Amino acid sequence: MTTEVQLKINSDPRLISFIRENPIWYKRLNRNPDLFKEFTMDMKDKYKIKTSDKITKALNNISMLQAFLDVLR
């Protein structure tokens, strides 16, 4: 794995924990450091931190509040 990739991984605690939970990425990044973007996308998918996941979570919270207010009426 290149030094650049190692520095990027060590700069983000989520990337560190993800690579420890999914050791196959050690092998993939060692063989092809250009897969770093795919690695980060895989991490975002697993931890549900993409923009679409945040919007879905916000909409779910709004619908829960709306249901709660309907019960109070």
PDB file of N, CA and C in Angstrom:
ATOM      1  N   MET A   1       0.858  -1.163   0.000  1.00  0.00           N
ATOM      2  CA  MET A   1       0.000   0.000   0.000  1.00  0.00           C
ATOM      3  C   MET A   1       0.907   1.231   0.000  1.00  0.00           C
ATOM      4  N   THR A   2       0.545   2.207  -0.789  1.00  0.00           N
ATOM      5  CA  THR A   2       1.390   3.396  -0.874  1.00  0.00           C
ATOM      6  C   THR A   2       1.277   4.223   0.405  1.00  0.00           C
ATOM      7  N   THR A   3       2.282   5.033   0.629  1.00  0.00           N
ATOM      8  CA  THR A   3       2.308   5.894   1.807  1.00  0.00           C
ATOM      9  C   THR A   3       1.155   6.881   1.769  1.00  0.00           C
ATOM     10  N   GLU A   4       0.827   7.358   0.593  1.00  0.00           N
ATOM     11  CA  GLU A   4      -0.275   8.307   0.442  1.00  0.00           C
ATOM     12  C   GLU A   4      -1.605   7.698   0.896  1.00  0.00           C
ATOM     13  N   VAL A   5      -1.864   6.475   0.486  1.00  0.00           N
ATOM     14  CA  VAL A   5      -3.095   5.782   0.871  1.00  0.00           C
ATOM     15  C   VAL A   5      -3.106   5.535   2.380  1.00  0.00           C
ATOM     16  N   GLN A   6      -1.986   5.152   2.921  1.00  0.00           N
ATOM     17  CA  GLN A   6      -1.908   4.917   4.363  1.00  0.00           C
ATOM     18  C   GLN A   6      -2.193   6.190   5.140  1.00  0.00           C
ATOM     19  N   LEU A   7      -1.667   7.313   4.684  1.00  0.00           N
ATOM     20  CA  LEU A   7      -1.922   8.588   5.358  1.00  0.00           C
ATOM     21  C   LEU A   7      -3.396   8.974   5.285  1.00  0.00           C
ATOM     22  N   LYS A   8      -4.012   8.735   4.130  1.00  0.00           N
ATOM     23  CA  LYS A   8      -5.446   9.038   3.988  1.00  0.00           C
ATOM     24  C   LYS A   8      -6.280   8.180   4.940  1.00  0.00           C
ATOM     25  N   ILE A   9      -5.941   6.905   5.044  1.00  0.00           N
ATOM     26  CA  ILE A   9      -6.692   6.006   5.928  1.00  0.00           C
ATOM     27  C   ILE A   9      -6.492   6.401   7.381  1.00  0.00           C
ATOM     28  N   ASN A  10      -5.261   6.711   7.757  1.00  0.00           N
ATOM     29  CA  ASN A  10      -4.972   7.064   9.147  1.00  0.00           C
ATOM     30  C   ASN A  10      -5.527   8.420   9.550  1.00  0.00           C
ATOM     31  N   SER A  11      -5.901   9.243   8.592  1.00  0.00           N
ATOM     32  CA  SER A  11      -6.452  10.553   8.914  1.00  0.00           C
ATOM     33  C   SER A  11      -7.935  10.500   9.290  1.00  0.00           C
ATOM     34  N   ASP A  12      -8.602   9.399   9.000  1.00  0.00           N
ATOM     35  CA  ASP A  12     -10.044   9.281   9.268  1.00  0.00           C
ATOM     36  C   ASP A  12     -10.313   8.037  10.118  1.00  0.00           C
ATOM     37  N   PRO A  13     -10.814   8.208  11.340  1.00  0.00           N
ATOM     38  CA  PRO A  13     -11.080   7.051  12.218  1.00  0.00           C
ATOM     39  C   PRO A  13     -12.092   6.062  11.638  1.00  0.00           C
ATOM     40  N   ARG A  14     -13.031   6.567  10.824  1.00  0.00           N
ATOM     41  CA  ARG A  14     -14.010   5.654  10.217  1.00  0.00           C
ATOM     42  C   ARG A  14     -13.346   4.732   9.209  1.00  0.00           C
ATOM     43  N   LEU A  15     -12.385   5.270   8.454  1.00  0.00           N
ATOM     44  CA  LEU A  15     -11.663   4.436   7.487  1.00  0.00           C
ATOM     45  C   LEU A  15     -10.816   3.389   8.205  1.00  0.00           C
ATOM     46  N   ILE A  16     -10.219   3.775   9.319  1.00  0.00           N
ATOM     47  CA  ILE A  16      -9.408   2.829  10.094  1.00  0.00           C
ATOM     48  C   ILE A  16     -10.270   1.676  10.583  1.00  0.00           C
ATOM     49  N   SER A  17     -11.403   1.991  11.170  1.00  0.00           N
ATOM     50  CA  SER A  17     -12.252   0.917  11.693  1.00  0.00           C
ATOM     51  C   SER A  17     -12.824   0.070  10.562  1.00  0.00           C
ATOM     52  N   PHE A  18     -13.148   0.701   9.430  1.00  0.00           N
ATOM     53  CA  PHE A  18     -13.700  -0.061   8.314  1.00  0.00           C
ATOM     54  C   PHE A  18     -12.680  -1.046   7.753  1.00  0.00           C
ATOM     55  N   ILE A  19     -11.442  -0.610   7.597  1.00  0.00           N
ATOM     56  CA  ILE A  19     -10.433  -1.511   7.025  1.00  0.00           C
ATOM     57  C   ILE A  19     -10.097  -2.630   8.000  1.00  0.00           C
ATOM     58  N   ARG A  20     -10.245  -2.370   9.291  1.00  0.00           N
ATOM     59  CA  ARG A  20     -10.022  -3.434  10.278  1.00  0.00           C
ATOM     60  C   ARG A  20     -11.163  -4.441  10.282  1.00  0.00           C
ATOM     61  N   GLU A  21     -12.363  -3.973  10.008  1.00  0.00           N
ATOM     62  CA  GLU A  21     -13.517  -4.870   9.950  1.00  0.00           C
ATOM     63  C   GLU A  21     -13.584  -5.636   8.629  1.00  0.00           C
ATOM     64  N   ASN A  22     -12.963  -5.101   7.586  1.00  0.00           N
ATOM     65  CA  ASN A  22     -12.984  -5.703   6.249  1.00  0.00           C
ATOM     66  C   ASN A  22     -11.559  -5.826   5.719  1.00  0.00           C
ATOM     67  N   PRO A  23     -10.814  -6.811   6.204  1.00  0.00           N
ATOM     68  CA  PRO A  23      -9.388  -6.911   5.848  1.00  0.00           C
ATOM     69  C   PRO A  23      -9.117  -7.226   4.383  1.00  0.00           C
ATOM     70  N   ILE A  24     -10.134  -7.603   3.619  1.00  0.00           N
ATOM     71  CA  ILE A  24      -9.920  -7.842   2.199  1.00  0.00           C
ATOM     72  C   ILE A  24      -9.426  -6.573   1.516  1.00  0.00           C
ATOM     73  N   TRP A  25      -9.767  -5.412   2.087  1.00  0.00           N
ATOM     74  CA  TRP A  25      -9.344  -4.145   1.497  1.00  0.00           C
ATOM     75  C   TRP A  25      -7.843  -3.924   1.615  1.00  0.00           C
ATOM     76  N   TYR A  26      -7.186  -4.529   2.602  1.00  0.00           N
ATOM     77  CA  TYR A  26      -5.722  -4.450   2.669  1.00  0.00           C
ATOM     78  C   TYR A  26      -5.127  -5.009   1.381  1.00  0.00           C
ATOM     79  N   LYS A  27      -5.605  -6.177   1.009  1.00  0.00           N
ATOM     80  CA  LYS A  27      -5.089  -6.842  -0.192  1.00  0.00           C
ATOM     81  C   LYS A  27      -5.414  -6.033  -1.449  1.00  0.00           C
ATOM     82  N   ARG A  28      -6.652  -5.562  -1.556  1.00  0.00           N
ATOM     83  CA  ARG A  28      -7.054  -4.816  -2.745  1.00  0.00           C
ATOM     84  C   ARG A  28      -6.257  -3.517  -2.899  1.00  0.00           C
ATOM     85  N   LEU A  29      -6.082  -2.801  -1.789  1.00  0.00           N
ATOM     86  CA  LEU A  29      -5.353  -1.534  -1.863  1.00  0.00           C
ATOM     87  C   LEU A  29      -3.858  -1.746  -2.057  1.00  0.00           C
ATOM     88  N   ASN A  30      -3.331  -2.855  -1.553  1.00  0.00           N
ATOM     89  CA  ASN A  30      -1.929  -3.168  -1.806  1.00  0.00           C
ATOM     90  C   ASN A  30      -1.693  -3.435  -3.285  1.00  0.00           C
ATOM     91  N   ARG A  31      -2.603  -4.123  -3.912  1.00  0.00           N
ATOM     92  CA  ARG A  31      -2.438  -4.470  -5.319  1.00  0.00           C
ATOM     93  C   ARG A  31      -2.772  -3.320  -6.252  1.00  0.00           C
ATOM     94  N   ASN A  32      -3.739  -2.497  -5.845  1.00  0.00           N
ATOM     95  CA  ASN A  32      -4.144  -1.391  -6.704  1.00  0.00           C
ATOM     96  C   ASN A  32      -4.564  -0.196  -5.843  1.00  0.00           C
ATOM     97  N   PRO A  33      -3.656   0.724  -5.562  1.00  0.00           N
ATOM     98  CA  PRO A  33      -3.991   1.893  -4.734  1.00  0.00           C
ATOM     99  C   PRO A  33      -5.041   2.808  -5.366  1.00  0.00           C
ATOM    100  N   ASP A  34      -5.292   2.648  -6.662  1.00  0.00           N
ATOM    101  CA  ASP A  34      -6.300   3.476  -7.323  1.00  0.00           C
ATOM    102  C   ASP A  34      -7.719   3.121  -6.887  1.00  0.00           C
ATOM    103  N   LEU A  35      -7.882   2.050  -6.145  1.00  0.00           N
ATOM    104  CA  LEU A  35      -9.197   1.642  -5.658  1.00  0.00           C
ATOM    105  C   LEU A  35      -9.608   2.384  -4.379  1.00  0.00           C
ATOM    106  N   PHE A  36      -8.847   3.394  -3.999  1.00  0.00           N
ATOM    107  CA  PHE A  36      -9.155   4.112  -2.756  1.00  0.00           C
ATOM    108  C   PHE A  36     -10.542   4.740  -2.793  1.00  0.00           C
ATOM    109  N   LYS A  37     -10.941   5.299  -3.933  1.00  0.00           N
ATOM    110  CA  LYS A  37     -12.274   5.905  -4.044  1.00  0.00           C
ATOM    111  C   LYS A  37     -13.355   4.847  -3.848  1.00  0.00           C
ATOM    112  N   GLU A  38     -13.174   3.671  -4.439  1.00  0.00           N
ATOM    113  CA  GLU A  38     -14.122   2.570  -4.246  1.00  0.00           C
ATOM    114  C   GLU A  38     -14.156   2.148  -2.772  1.00  0.00           C
ATOM    115  N   PHE A  39     -12.991   2.148  -2.148  1.00  0.00           N
ATOM    116  CA  PHE A  39     -12.881   1.816  -0.724  1.00  0.00           C
ATOM    117  C   PHE A  39     -13.709   2.783   0.127  1.00  0.00           C
ATOM    118  N   THR A  40     -13.580   4.085  -0.141  1.00  0.00           N
ATOM    119  CA  THR A  40     -14.346   5.063   0.633  1.00  0.00           C
ATOM    120  C   THR A  40     -15.848   4.952   0.360  1.00  0.00           C
ATOM    121  N   MET A  41     -16.210   4.659  -0.885  1.00  0.00           N
ATOM    122  CA  MET A  41     -17.634   4.488  -1.193  1.00  0.00           C
ATOM    123  C   MET A  41     -18.208   3.265  -0.485  1.00  0.00           C
ATOM    124  N   ASP A  42     -17.439   2.199  -0.409  1.00  0.00           N
ATOM    125  CA  ASP A  42     -17.865   0.998   0.300  1.00  0.00           C
ATOM    126  C   ASP A  42     -18.050   1.299   1.788  1.00  0.00           C
ATOM    127  N   MET A  43     -17.143   2.092   2.353  1.00  0.00           N
ATOM    128  CA  MET A  43     -17.255   2.484   3.754  1.00  0.00           C
ATOM    129  C   MET A  43     -18.518   3.316   3.979  1.00  0.00           C
ATOM    130  N   LYS A  44     -18.780   4.257   3.082  1.00  0.00           N
ATOM    131  CA  LYS A  44     -19.974   5.097   3.216  1.00  0.00           C
ATOM    132  C   LYS A  44     -21.249   4.280   3.083  1.00  0.00           C
ATOM    133  N   ASP A  45     -21.250   3.276   2.210  1.00  0.00           N
ATOM    134  CA  ASP A  45     -22.407   2.398   2.072  1.00  0.00           C
ATOM    135  C   ASP A  45     -22.654   1.613   3.350  1.00  0.00           C
ATOM    136  N   LYS A  46     -21.587   1.079   3.929  1.00  0.00           N
ATOM    137  CA  LYS A  46     -21.748   0.248   5.115  1.00  0.00           C
ATOM    138  C   LYS A  46     -22.185   1.071   6.325  1.00  0.00           C
ATOM    139  N   TYR A  47     -21.566   2.228   6.506  1.00  0.00           N
ATOM    140  CA  TYR A  47     -21.877   3.062   7.669  1.00  0.00           C
ATOM    141  C   TYR A  47     -23.045   4.003   7.446  1.00  0.00           C
ATOM    142  N   LYS A  48     -23.617   3.965   6.259  1.00  0.00           N
ATOM    143  CA  LYS A  48     -24.785   4.772   5.903  1.00  0.00           C
ATOM    144  C   LYS A  48     -24.545   6.261   6.173  1.00  0.00           C
ATOM    145  N   ILE A  49     -23.495   6.787   5.571  1.00  0.00           N
ATOM    146  CA  ILE A  49     -23.188   8.206   5.737  1.00  0.00           C
ATOM    147  C   ILE A  49     -23.209   8.952   4.400  1.00  0.00           C
ATOM    148  N   LYS A  50     -23.851   8.357   3.410  1.00  0.00           N
ATOM    149  CA  LYS A  50     -24.014   9.044   2.134  1.00  0.00           C
ATOM    150  C   LYS A  50     -25.108  10.095   2.290  1.00  0.00           C
ATOM    151  N   THR A  51     -25.146  11.034   1.367  1.00  0.00           N
ATOM    152  CA  THR A  51     -26.144  12.099   1.402  1.00  0.00           C
ATOM    153  C   THR A  51     -27.560  11.531   1.316  1.00  0.00           C
ATOM    154  N   SER A  52     -27.755  10.538   0.480  1.00  0.00           N
ATOM    155  CA  SER A  52     -29.094   9.963   0.334  1.00  0.00           C
ATOM    156  C   SER A  52     -29.546   9.281   1.631  1.00  0.00           C
ATOM    157  N   ASP A  53     -28.608   8.680   2.357  1.00  0.00           N
ATOM    158  CA  ASP A  53     -28.961   8.063   3.634  1.00  0.00           C
ATOM    159  C   ASP A  53     -29.362   9.118   4.667  1.00  0.00           C
ATOM    160  N   LYS A  54     -28.673  10.255   4.649  1.00  0.00           N
ATOM    161  CA  LYS A  54     -28.999  11.336   5.580  1.00  0.00           C
ATOM    162  C   LYS A  54     -30.376  11.914   5.287  1.00  0.00           C
ATOM    163  N   ILE A  55     -30.705  12.057   4.001  1.00  0.00           N
ATOM    164  CA  ILE A  55     -32.016  12.584   3.619  1.00  0.00           C
ATOM    165  C   ILE A  55     -33.112  11.604   4.030  1.00  0.00           C
ATOM    166  N   THR A  56     -32.884  10.334   3.815  1.00  0.00           N
ATOM    167  CA  THR A  56     -33.858   9.308   4.203  1.00  0.00           C
ATOM    168  C   THR A  56     -34.092   9.322   5.707  1.00  0.00           C
ATOM    169  N   LYS A  57     -33.027   9.454   6.460  1.00  0.00           N
ATOM    170  CA  LYS A  57     -33.141   9.496   7.918  1.00  0.00           C
ATOM    171  C   LYS A  57     -33.928  10.722   8.366  1.00  0.00           C
ATOM    172  N   ALA A  58     -33.674  11.873   7.739  1.00  0.00           N
ATOM    173  CA  ALA A  58     -34.404  13.091   8.085  1.00  0.00           C
ATOM    174  C   ALA A  58     -35.888  12.951   7.756  1.00  0.00           C
ATOM    175  N   LEU A  59     -36.198  12.366   6.608  1.00  0.00           N
ATOM    176  CA  LEU A  59     -37.604  12.165   6.235  1.00  0.00           C
ATOM    177  C   LEU A  59     -38.300  11.203   7.195  1.00  0.00           C
ATOM    178  N   ASN A  60     -37.597  10.178   7.623  1.00  0.00           N
ATOM    179  CA  ASN A  60     -38.174   9.248   8.597  1.00  0.00           C
ATOM    180  C   ASN A  60     -38.455   9.946   9.918  1.00  0.00           C
ATOM    181  N   ASN A  61     -37.557  10.825  10.353  1.00  0.00           N
ATOM    182  CA  ASN A  61     -37.768  11.565  11.592  1.00  0.00           C
ATOM    183  C   ASN A  61     -38.961  12.505  11.478  1.00  0.00           C
ATOM    184  N   ILE A  62     -39.098  13.144  10.325  1.00  0.00           N
ATOM    185  CA  ILE A  62     -40.232  14.051  10.116  1.00  0.00           C
ATOM    186  C   ILE A  62     -41.546  13.275  10.128  1.00  0.00           C
ATOM    187  N   SER A  63     -41.582  12.136   9.483  1.00  0.00           N
ATOM    188  CA  SER A  63     -42.825  11.354   9.460  1.00  0.00           C
ATOM    189  C   SER A  63     -43.151  10.818  10.854  1.00  0.00           C
ATOM    190  N   MET A  64     -42.136  10.495  11.642  1.00  0.00           N
ATOM    191  CA  MET A  64     -42.380  10.032  13.010  1.00  0.00           C
ATOM    192  C   MET A  64     -42.957  11.169  13.855  1.00  0.00           C
ATOM    193  N   LEU A  65     -42.421  12.377  13.698  1.00  0.00           N
ATOM    194  CA  LEU A  65     -42.957  13.528  14.428  1.00  0.00           C
ATOM    195  C   LEU A  65     -44.387  13.833  13.993  1.00  0.00           C
ATOM    196  N   GLN A  66     -44.657  13.710  12.708  1.00  0.00           N
ATOM    197  CA  GLN A  66     -46.004  13.952  12.213  1.00  0.00           C
ATOM    198  C   GLN A  66     -46.967  12.936  12.794  1.00  0.00           C
ATOM    199  N   ALA A  67     -46.584  11.687  12.849  1.00  0.00           N
ATOM    200  CA  ALA A  67     -47.444  10.654  13.440  1.00  0.00           C
ATOM    201  C   ALA A  67     -47.665  10.927  14.928  1.00  0.00           C
ATOM    202  N   PHE A  68     -46.644  11.370  15.612  1.00  0.00           N
ATOM    203  CA  PHE A  68     -46.765  11.680  17.036  1.00  0.00           C
ATOM    204  C   PHE A  68     -47.728  12.843  17.249  1.00  0.00           C
ATOM    205  N   LEU A  69     -47.623  13.874  16.404  1.00  0.00           N
ATOM    206  CA  LEU A  69     -48.531  15.017  16.530  1.00  0.00           C
ATOM    207  C   LEU A  69     -49.962  14.622  16.192  1.00  0.00           C
ATOM    208  N   ASP A  70     -50.150  13.721  15.240  1.00  0.00           N
ATOM    209  CA  ASP A  70     -51.499  13.237  14.914  1.00  0.00           C
ATOM    210  C   ASP A  70     -52.125  12.499  16.089  1.00  0.00           C
ATOM    211  N   VAL A  71     -51.313  11.775  16.847  1.00  0.00           N
ATOM    212  CA  VAL A  71     -51.821  11.056  18.014  1.00  0.00           C
ATOM    213  C   VAL A  71     -52.256  12.036  19.093  1.00  0.00           C
ATOM    214  N   LEU A  72     -51.543  13.138  19.234  1.00  0.00           N
ATOM    215  CA  LEU A  72     -51.869  14.136  20.268  1.00  0.00           C
ATOM    216  C   LEU A  72     -53.139  14.907  19.957  1.00  0.00           C
ATOM    217  N   ARG A  73     -53.560  14.945  18.717  1.00  0.00           N
ATOM    218  CA  ARG A  73     -54.769  15.709  18.338  1.00  0.00           C
ATOM    219  C   ARG A  73     -55.996  15.061  18.819  1.00  0.00           C
TER     220      ARG A  73
END
